[in-house]
Amino acid sequence: MEWEKKELSGIKLGDERLNKRSVKLLKSIAPKPSASIPPACGGWSETLAAYRFFGQEGIVWSDILQPHIDCTLIRSQAYPVKARRFWRAPLDCHVGRSRYRGEKTSPSD
């Protein structure tokens, strides 16, 4: 089975054609995740199909993302994780003051 089909195996968009389109879109967009839709899809007809898919009335982003989340959780079970506490530096919320000496800064700085 191709990885795209496996990743979206549980997708239920209400229409089998939409389910198949989601797999096709994942296959074309995944190699270029930072590209916009037209370059990622590769052609005008594929781009229009992608925009039609994303413009479907009854579909929300969580419907598309949920199968990926489910697969990620299944994959993550293979790797044991120990809970750790992470130290966090306090945020500097002193607007208008120098971070280092507490001096006021002027707008011209």
Protein backbone atom coordinates (compact mmCIF):
# COMPACT_ATOMS: atom_id res chain seq x y z
CA MET A 1 0.00 0.00 0.00
CA GLU A 2 1.27 3.48 -0.85
CA TRP A 3 2.09 5.64 2.16
CA GLU A 4 -0.55 8.24 1.21
CA LYS A 5 -3.34 5.67 1.27
CA LYS A 6 -2.08 4.29 4.54
CA GLU A 7 -1.86 7.77 6.10
CA LEU A 8 -5.42 8.67 5.10
CA SER A 9 -6.93 5.19 5.41
CA GLY A 10 -9.52 6.31 7.95
CA ILE A 11 -10.68 9.45 6.15
CA LYS A 12 -14.45 9.87 5.95
CA LEU A 13 -15.47 12.94 3.99
CA GLY A 14 -18.93 11.66 3.12
CA ASP A 15 -18.13 10.83 -0.51
CA GLU A 16 -15.68 8.24 -1.79
CA ARG A 17 -14.58 10.62 -4.57
CA LEU A 18 -13.52 13.18 -1.96
CA ASN A 19 -11.66 10.49 -0.01
CA LYS A 20 -9.74 9.53 -3.17
CA ARG A 21 -9.08 13.19 -4.01
CA SER A 22 -7.59 13.73 -0.54
CA VAL A 23 -5.10 10.92 -1.12
CA LYS A 24 -4.21 12.31 -4.54
CA LEU A 25 -3.70 15.78 -3.07
CA LEU A 26 -1.49 14.46 -0.29
CA LYS A 27 0.64 12.66 -2.85
CA SER A 28 1.16 15.84 -4.90
CA ILE A 29 1.56 18.32 -2.02
CA ALA A 30 3.77 16.25 0.35
CA PRO A 31 7.01 16.50 -1.69
CA LYS A 32 6.76 20.31 -1.66
CA PRO A 33 5.22 21.18 1.74
CA SER A 34 6.28 24.83 1.70
CA ALA A 35 5.05 25.50 -1.85
CA SER A 36 1.74 27.14 -2.58
CA ILE A 37 -0.97 25.00 -4.16
CA PRO A 38 -0.29 25.74 -7.88
CA PRO A 39 3.41 24.73 -7.87
CA ALA A 40 2.75 21.79 -5.54
CA CYS A 41 0.00 20.42 -7.78
CA GLY A 42 2.02 20.77 -10.95
CA GLY A 43 -0.71 21.58 -13.45
CA TRP A 44 -3.73 23.81 -13.97
CA SER A 45 -6.35 21.04 -13.80
CA GLU A 46 -4.78 19.61 -10.62
CA THR A 47 -4.70 23.09 -9.09
CA LEU A 48 -8.39 23.69 -9.86
CA ALA A 49 -9.24 20.27 -8.42
CA ALA A 50 -7.34 21.13 -5.23
CA TYR A 51 -9.18 24.44 -4.84
CA ARG A 52 -12.51 22.70 -5.47
CA PHE A 53 -11.61 20.10 -2.84
CA PHE A 54 -10.67 22.71 -0.23
CA GLY A 55 -13.80 24.70 -1.08
CA GLN A 56 -16.24 21.86 -0.28
CA GLU A 57 -19.05 23.08 1.97
CA GLY A 58 -19.34 20.24 4.47
CA ILE A 59 -15.63 19.60 5.02
CA VAL A 60 -13.65 21.19 7.81
CA TRP A 61 -9.89 20.98 8.33
CA SER A 62 -10.27 18.54 11.25
CA ASP A 63 -12.02 16.03 8.93
CA ILE A 64 -8.93 16.01 6.72
CA LEU A 65 -6.40 16.09 9.56
CA GLN A 66 -7.92 13.45 11.87
CA PRO A 67 -6.66 10.36 9.97
CA HIS A 68 -3.14 11.82 9.99
CA ILE A 69 -3.37 12.41 13.75
CA ASP A 70 -4.57 8.84 14.28
CA CYS A 71 -1.68 7.40 12.22
CA THR A 72 0.82 9.62 14.05
CA LEU A 73 -0.43 8.37 17.42
CA ILE A 74 -0.14 4.76 16.27
CA ARG A 75 3.42 5.35 15.00
CA SER A 76 4.42 7.12 18.21
CA GLN A 77 3.47 4.11 20.34
CA ALA A 78 6.55 2.34 19.00
CA TYR A 79 8.79 4.86 20.79
CA PRO A 80 8.65 4.99 24.59
CA VAL A 81 8.78 8.51 25.99
CA LYS A 82 9.76 9.51 29.50
CA ALA A 83 8.09 12.54 31.00
CA ARG A 84 10.45 15.43 31.57
CA ARG A 85 10.10 18.82 33.09
CA PHE A 86 11.49 21.57 30.97
CA TRP A 87 12.88 24.77 32.39
CA ARG A 88 11.34 27.84 30.85
CA ALA A 89 12.92 31.25 30.97
CA PRO A 90 10.59 33.99 32.18
CA LEU A 91 9.25 36.26 29.49
CA ASP A 92 10.46 39.84 29.40
CA CYS A 93 7.23 41.82 29.47
CA HIS A 94 8.77 45.21 30.20
CA VAL A 95 7.58 47.12 27.15
CA GLY A 96 9.58 50.29 26.59
CA ARG A 97 12.48 49.22 28.82
CA SER A 98 15.89 47.90 27.93
CA ARG A 99 16.15 44.15 28.43
CA TYR A 100 19.54 44.44 30.05
CA ARG A 101 19.55 47.39 32.45
CA GLY A 102 15.91 48.32 32.95
CA GLU A 103 16.53 51.73 31.36
CA LYS A 104 13.77 53.49 29.50
CA THR A 105 14.22 53.52 25.77
CA SER A 106 13.15 56.37 23.58
CA PRO A 107 11.16 55.87 20.37
CA SER A 108 14.16 57.11 18.37
CA ASP A 109 16.34 54.16 19.57
